[in-house]
């Protein structure tokens, strides 16, 4: 996901939460016929309304449009997923509360910001899902959403993000904060190794695989075919980067003693026999070398905490009522 789409969907919290429980979904179904009443149960709400907050309304039509936008962005059907619909509605209420607060504070995304975000979204979606503009236009037509619908969402979230970024700019970590973070994250800033492994239960099989590898066999292929660590096997045995203490002691000792490109003899641990290949190493960084990254991380953490507090405060003060989706 590129910066533009990521920025639009993660102004305060991950919009991927919308998709909770949606794994394995197939292509979206055509949009449902326009509803005349909320698709849930809440007798106190007026007909055609799915939520109220601070005497404002979210209509069924507005909700359906937002749901179809998420279906477009993720290419997954959501209209029959109760949890997804519940999350989307909560997301709408939260974003609207934040937008109203941002507007009160004088923030507003300008046309250039909105256009840049939209261009980034379309480029990302065409690269990942729809191949070209004709494909994405066709999907939008199927779902009953327009470019203006996308623009409205981008403008809403972009405006909110300006407020959140302004909040973040006012949080300045101290030198002691930076040093404490550095000391507490030595697994991140200390020496790191990137390695792949093949895990098997039998020592003789491990020795046979080592012989094949040293004769020129492809490590990734053998990992996919033989490793009992199915998570890494799917990636050719790759474990990505890790610092000291992140792996079992026997694995840790062997990997950090190896050179880039080395393939180990079988290494025994409580999990079985590992064949390790070191693919890269990163030297430890000093506090000065890591300082800029740490400052950014701490500011991001402080911004996220401030944003969450703002969300909590706005929701606590608001009078919110929503439907309960039943299907």
Protein backbone atom coordinates (compact mmCIF):
# COMPACT_ATOMS: atom_id res chain seq x y z
CA UNK A 1 0.00 0.00 0.00
CA UNK A 2 1.55 3.32 -0.99
CA UNK A 3 1.87 6.42 1.17
CA UNK A 4 -1.24 8.11 -0.21
CA UNK A 5 -3.62 5.23 0.37
CA UNK A 6 -2.01 4.41 3.67
CA UNK A 7 -2.33 8.02 4.76
CA UNK A 8 -5.97 8.20 3.82
CA UNK A 9 -6.90 5.05 5.66
CA UNK A 10 -4.75 5.42 8.78
CA UNK A 11 -5.26 8.98 9.95
CA UNK A 12 -5.85 7.80 13.50
CA UNK A 13 -6.28 4.02 13.47
CA UNK A 14 -6.01 1.27 10.91
CA UNK A 15 -8.98 1.10 8.61
CA UNK A 16 -7.98 -2.50 8.03
CA UNK A 17 -9.98 -3.15 11.20
CA UNK A 18 -12.95 -2.73 8.92
CA UNK A 19 -12.04 -6.06 7.41
CA UNK A 20 -12.01 -8.04 10.65
CA UNK A 21 -13.33 -11.47 9.88
CA UNK A 22 -13.29 -10.94 6.12
CA UNK A 23 -10.37 -13.19 5.22
CA UNK A 24 -10.88 -15.45 2.27
CA UNK A 25 -13.59 -13.30 0.72
CA UNK A 26 -14.01 -13.47 -3.02
CA UNK A 27 -14.97 -10.83 -5.57
CA UNK A 28 -17.57 -8.27 -4.48
CA UNK A 29 -21.21 -8.90 -5.15
CA UNK A 30 -23.17 -6.22 -7.03
CA UNK A 31 -24.38 -3.43 -4.73
CA UNK A 32 -27.71 -4.09 -3.04
CA UNK A 33 -30.80 -2.21 -4.07
CA UNK A 34 -31.21 1.14 -2.27
CA UNK A 35 -32.50 0.52 1.23
CA UNK A 36 -35.52 2.33 2.59
CA UNK A 37 -34.72 1.63 6.22
CA UNK A 38 -31.58 0.78 8.21
CA UNK A 39 -30.38 -2.80 7.78
CA UNK A 40 -30.31 -3.35 11.52
CA UNK A 41 -32.44 -3.13 14.61
CA UNK A 42 -32.74 0.10 16.59
CA UNK A 43 -36.28 1.38 16.94
CA UNK A 44 -35.24 4.78 18.37
CA UNK A 45 -33.61 5.85 15.09
CA UNK A 46 -35.65 7.52 12.34
CA UNK A 47 -36.36 5.51 9.18
CA UNK A 48 -33.43 5.51 6.77
CA UNK A 49 -30.91 6.48 9.47
CA UNK A 50 -28.20 4.13 10.78
CA UNK A 51 -26.58 6.43 13.33
CA UNK A 52 -26.92 9.77 15.08
CA UNK A 53 -24.23 11.78 16.87
CA UNK A 54 -24.51 15.25 18.34
CA UNK A 55 -27.88 15.74 16.61
CA UNK A 56 -26.39 14.83 13.23
CA UNK A 57 -27.36 11.81 11.12
CA UNK A 58 -25.67 9.13 9.07
CA UNK A 59 -28.17 7.79 6.58
CA UNK A 60 -28.43 4.30 5.18
CA UNK A 61 -27.43 5.69 1.78
CA UNK A 62 -24.32 7.35 3.21
CA UNK A 63 -23.41 4.13 4.99
CA UNK A 64 -23.91 2.03 1.85
CA UNK A 65 -21.68 4.40 -0.11
CA UNK A 66 -18.91 4.17 2.47
CA UNK A 67 -19.18 0.38 2.61
CA UNK A 68 -18.90 0.17 -1.19
CA UNK A 69 -15.84 2.44 -1.10
CA UNK A 70 -14.14 -0.02 1.23
CA UNK A 71 -15.20 -2.88 -1.04
CA UNK A 72 -13.57 -0.99 -3.90
CA UNK A 73 -10.38 -0.26 -1.96
CA UNK A 74 -9.94 -3.83 -0.75
CA UNK A 75 -11.77 -5.74 -3.50
CA UNK A 76 -13.69 -7.71 -0.87
CA UNK A 77 -17.45 -8.02 -0.33
CA UNK A 78 -18.63 -6.63 2.99
CA UNK A 79 -22.39 -6.26 2.74
CA UNK A 80 -23.09 -9.65 4.36
CA UNK A 81 -20.38 -9.38 7.03
CA UNK A 82 -21.98 -8.15 10.25
CA UNK A 83 -18.69 -7.41 12.03
CA UNK A 84 -17.32 -5.47 9.06
CA UNK A 85 -20.50 -3.39 8.82
CA UNK A 86 -20.39 -2.66 12.55
CA UNK A 87 -16.76 -1.56 12.27
CA UNK A 88 -17.46 0.61 9.23
CA UNK A 89 -20.29 2.42 11.00
CA UNK A 90 -18.18 3.03 14.09
CA UNK A 91 -15.41 4.24 11.78
CA UNK A 92 -17.83 6.69 10.12
CA UNK A 93 -19.00 8.13 13.42
CA UNK A 94 -15.43 8.48 14.68
CA UNK A 95 -14.16 10.12 11.49
CA UNK A 96 -17.10 12.53 11.43
CA UNK A 97 -16.50 13.56 15.03
CA UNK A 98 -12.83 14.14 14.23
CA UNK A 99 -13.69 16.09 11.08
CA UNK A 100 -16.06 18.36 12.98
CA UNK A 101 -13.36 18.99 15.60
CA UNK A 102 -10.76 19.68 12.89
CA UNK A 103 -13.08 22.13 11.18
CA UNK A 104 -13.71 23.88 14.48
CA UNK A 105 -9.94 24.26 14.91
CA UNK A 106 -9.62 25.73 11.42
CA UNK A 107 -8.14 22.80 9.48
CA UNK A 108 -9.16 22.02 5.91
CA UNK A 109 -7.45 19.87 3.26
CA UNK A 110 -6.97 21.94 0.09
CA UNK A 111 -7.68 20.85 -3.48
CA UNK A 112 -4.04 20.02 -4.24
CA UNK A 113 -3.76 17.75 -1.22
CA UNK A 114 -6.99 15.97 -2.15
CA UNK A 115 -5.98 15.62 -5.81
CA UNK A 116 -2.57 14.22 -4.87
CA UNK A 117 -4.19 11.68 -2.54
CA UNK A 118 -6.70 10.62 -5.18
CA UNK A 119 -3.97 10.19 -7.78
CA UNK A 120 -2.02 8.02 -5.36
CA UNK A 121 -5.05 5.90 -4.53
CA UNK A 122 -5.88 5.24 -8.16
CA UNK A 123 -2.28 4.42 -9.03
CA UNK A 124 -2.03 1.98 -6.14
CA UNK A 125 -5.35 0.29 -6.92
CA UNK A 126 -4.56 -0.02 -10.61
CA UNK A 127 -1.15 -1.50 -9.79
CA UNK A 128 -2.54 -3.99 -7.28
CA UNK A 129 -6.07 -4.81 -8.36
CA UNK A 130 -7.64 -3.32 -11.44
CA UNK A 131 -4.78 -3.12 -14.01
CA UNK A 132 -5.89 0.18 -15.52
CA UNK A 133 -8.36 3.06 -15.21
CA UNK A 134 -10.96 1.25 -17.30
CA UNK A 135 -10.87 -1.66 -14.84
CA UNK A 136 -11.21 0.53 -11.77
CA UNK A 137 -13.95 2.64 -13.41
CA UNK A 138 -15.87 -0.54 -14.18
CA UNK A 139 -15.60 -1.70 -10.55
CA UNK A 140 -16.75 1.69 -9.25
CA UNK A 141 -19.77 1.56 -11.57
CA UNK A 142 -20.62 -1.95 -10.37
CA UNK A 143 -20.49 -0.76 -6.76
CA UNK A 144 -22.44 2.41 -7.42
CA UNK A 145 -19.76 4.82 -6.20
CA UNK A 146 -18.43 7.91 -7.93
CA UNK A 147 -15.20 9.86 -8.04
CA UNK A 148 -16.90 12.50 -5.90
CA UNK A 149 -17.64 9.87 -3.26
CA UNK A 150 -13.93 9.07 -3.09
CA UNK A 151 -13.04 12.75 -3.09
CA UNK A 152 -15.37 13.42 -0.15
CA UNK A 153 -13.74 10.67 1.92
CA UNK A 154 -10.23 11.80 1.01
CA UNK A 155 -11.09 15.38 1.95
CA UNK A 156 -12.62 14.28 5.25
CA UNK A 157 -9.67 12.14 6.28
CA UNK A 158 -7.11 14.58 4.91
CA UNK A 159 -8.60 17.37 6.99
CA UNK A 160 -8.50 15.18 10.07
CA UNK A 161 -4.92 14.22 9.37
CA UNK A 162 -3.84 17.87 9.27
CA UNK A 163 -5.18 18.26 12.81
CA UNK A 164 -3.48 15.07 14.00
CA UNK A 165 -0.16 16.04 12.42
CA UNK A 166 -0.38 19.44 14.10
CA UNK A 167 -0.92 17.71 17.43
CA UNK A 168 2.11 15.53 16.74
CA UNK A 169 4.34 18.48 15.91
CA UNK A 170 3.84 19.76 19.44
CA UNK A 171 5.21 16.63 21.10
CA UNK A 172 9.00 16.82 21.49
CA UNK A 173 10.76 13.87 23.12
CA UNK A 174 13.51 14.77 25.59
CA UNK A 175 17.10 13.52 25.36
CA UNK A 176 16.32 11.18 28.25
CA UNK A 177 13.27 9.81 26.39
CA UNK A 178 15.48 9.11 23.38
CA UNK A 179 18.19 7.39 25.43
CA UNK A 180 15.65 5.29 27.35
CA UNK A 181 14.03 4.15 24.12
CA UNK A 182 17.42 3.29 22.63
CA UNK A 183 18.41 1.27 25.71
CA UNK A 184 15.08 -0.59 25.74
CA UNK A 185 15.22 -1.52 22.04
CA UNK A 186 18.66 -2.95 21.60
CA UNK A 187 17.15 -5.82 19.61
CA UNK A 188 16.25 -3.16 17.04
CA UNK A 189 19.36 -1.00 17.16
CA UNK A 190 21.95 -3.62 18.04
CA UNK A 191 23.54 -5.98 15.53
CA UNK A 192 20.99 -7.70 13.31
CA UNK A 193 21.07 -10.76 11.09
CA UNK A 194 18.80 -11.74 8.25
CA UNK A 195 18.64 -15.48 7.84
CA UNK A 196 16.65 -18.26 6.26
CA UNK A 197 16.27 -21.72 7.69
CA UNK A 198 15.00 -25.19 6.96
CA UNK A 199 13.62 -27.00 10.01
CA UNK A 200 13.33 -30.80 10.04
CA UNK A 201 12.81 -33.38 12.77
CA UNK A 202 15.53 -35.83 11.74
CA UNK A 203 19.30 -35.21 11.92
CA UNK A 204 20.10 -37.45 8.96
CA UNK A 205 17.58 -35.65 6.78
CA UNK A 206 19.16 -32.35 7.83
CA UNK A 207 22.59 -33.66 6.82
CA UNK A 208 21.25 -34.84 3.45
CA UNK A 209 19.75 -31.39 2.80
CA UNK A 210 23.03 -29.67 3.74
CA UNK A 211 24.83 -31.88 1.23
CA UNK A 212 22.33 -30.92 -1.47
CA UNK A 213 22.72 -27.23 -0.68
CA UNK A 214 26.51 -27.36 -0.80
CA UNK A 215 26.21 -29.12 -4.15
CA UNK A 216 24.26 -26.14 -5.48
CA UNK A 217 20.61 -26.87 -4.67
CA UNK A 218 18.27 -23.91 -4.27
CA UNK A 219 17.76 -23.08 -0.59
CA UNK A 220 14.33 -21.51 -1.01
CA UNK A 221 13.03 -24.48 -3.00
CA UNK A 222 14.27 -27.00 -0.43
CA UNK A 223 12.76 -24.92 2.38
CA UNK A 224 9.37 -24.85 0.66
CA UNK A 225 9.49 -28.61 0.09
CA UNK A 226 10.95 -29.79 3.40
CA UNK A 227 10.75 -27.29 6.26
CA UNK A 228 8.31 -28.06 9.04
CA UNK A 229 8.23 -24.35 9.90
CA UNK A 230 5.40 -23.74 7.47
CA UNK A 231 5.27 -19.99 8.12
CA UNK A 232 8.81 -19.33 6.92
CA UNK A 233 8.76 -22.20 4.41
CA UNK A 234 6.18 -20.31 2.35
CA UNK A 235 8.78 -17.53 2.01
CA UNK A 236 11.63 -19.84 1.09
CA UNK A 237 12.69 -20.12 4.73
CA UNK A 238 13.21 -16.36 5.17
CA UNK A 239 13.00 -15.12 8.77
CA UNK A 240 13.73 -11.45 7.98
CA UNK A 241 16.03 -9.46 10.29
CA UNK A 242 16.33 -10.24 13.98
CA UNK A 243 18.47 -9.09 16.87
CA UNK A 244 20.22 -10.99 19.65
CA UNK A 245 17.83 -12.89 21.88
CA UNK A 246 14.97 -13.11 19.40
CA UNK A 247 15.68 -16.73 18.45
CA UNK A 248 16.35 -19.80 20.62
CA UNK A 249 19.87 -19.77 22.03
CA UNK A 250 21.35 -22.42 19.72
CA UNK A 251 19.99 -20.72 16.61
CA UNK A 252 21.06 -17.27 17.85
CA UNK A 253 24.63 -18.37 18.57
CA UNK A 254 25.05 -20.05 15.20
CA UNK A 255 23.49 -17.30 13.08
CA UNK A 256 25.48 -14.43 14.60
CA UNK A 257 28.74 -16.39 14.24
CA UNK A 258 28.20 -16.97 10.51
CA UNK A 259 29.19 -14.81 7.56
CA UNK A 260 26.79 -13.60 4.88
CA UNK A 261 26.24 -16.42 2.40
CA UNK A 262 27.26 -19.19 4.82
CA UNK A 263 25.14 -22.32 5.21
CA UNK A 264 25.40 -24.02 8.59
CA UNK A 265 25.79 -27.62 9.54
CA UNK A 266 22.60 -28.90 11.21
CA UNK A 267 21.88 -26.99 14.44
CA UNK A 268 19.78 -28.73 17.09
CA UNK A 269 17.22 -26.85 19.19
CA UNK A 270 14.08 -27.78 21.08
CA UNK A 271 12.19 -27.49 17.79
CA UNK A 272 14.31 -29.90 15.76
CA UNK A 273 17.24 -29.55 13.38
CA UNK A 274 17.86 -26.22 11.66
CA UNK A 275 19.85 -25.54 8.52
CA UNK A 276 20.65 -21.84 8.58
CA UNK A 277 21.64 -19.56 5.72
CA UNK A 278 22.70 -16.01 6.60
CA UNK A 279 21.64 -13.62 3.85
CA UNK A 280 22.55 -10.23 5.35
CA UNK A 281 23.90 -8.50 8.44
CA UNK A 282 23.44 -5.02 9.87
CA UNK A 283 25.98 -3.66 12.33
CA UNK A 284 24.83 -2.17 15.60
CA UNK A 285 23.94 1.52 15.50
CA UNK A 286 25.08 4.08 18.04
CA UNK A 287 22.63 6.38 19.78
CA UNK A 288 23.67 9.25 17.50
CA UNK A 289 23.13 7.09 14.39
CA UNK A 290 19.69 5.98 15.57
CA UNK A 291 18.57 9.30 17.04
CA UNK A 292 16.56 10.60 14.07
CA UNK A 293 14.64 7.32 13.74
CA UNK A 294 13.96 7.23 17.47
CA UNK A 295 12.70 10.82 17.54
CA UNK A 296 10.30 10.03 14.70
CA UNK A 297 9.11 6.85 16.41
CA UNK A 298 8.54 8.61 19.73
CA UNK A 299 6.71 11.47 18.04
CA UNK A 300 4.55 8.95 16.17
CA UNK A 301 3.82 7.15 19.44
CA UNK A 302 2.92 10.41 21.20
CA UNK A 303 0.77 11.50 18.28
CA UNK A 304 -1.10 8.21 18.25
CA UNK A 305 -1.70 8.44 22.00
CA UNK A 306 -2.92 12.04 21.72
CA UNK A 307 -5.17 11.13 18.80
CA UNK A 308 -6.66 8.20 20.67
CA UNK A 309 -7.29 10.40 23.71
CA UNK A 310 -9.03 12.92 21.46
CA UNK A 311 -11.21 10.17 19.98
CA UNK A 312 -12.08 8.92 23.46
CA UNK A 313 -12.92 12.43 24.67
CA UNK A 314 -15.05 13.26 21.63
CA UNK A 315 -16.98 10.00 21.94
CA UNK A 316 -17.48 10.48 25.69
CA UNK A 317 -18.98 13.93 25.11
CA UNK A 318 -21.08 12.95 22.11
CA UNK A 319 -24.57 11.51 22.17
CA UNK A 320 -24.18 8.52 19.83
CA UNK A 321 -26.79 6.04 18.73
CA UNK A 322 -26.29 3.35 16.09
CA UNK A 323 -28.19 0.45 14.60
CA UNK A 324 -27.32 -3.10 15.55
CA UNK A 325 -26.64 -5.01 12.36
CA UNK A 326 -28.15 -8.46 12.14
CA UNK A 327 -27.16 -9.55 8.65
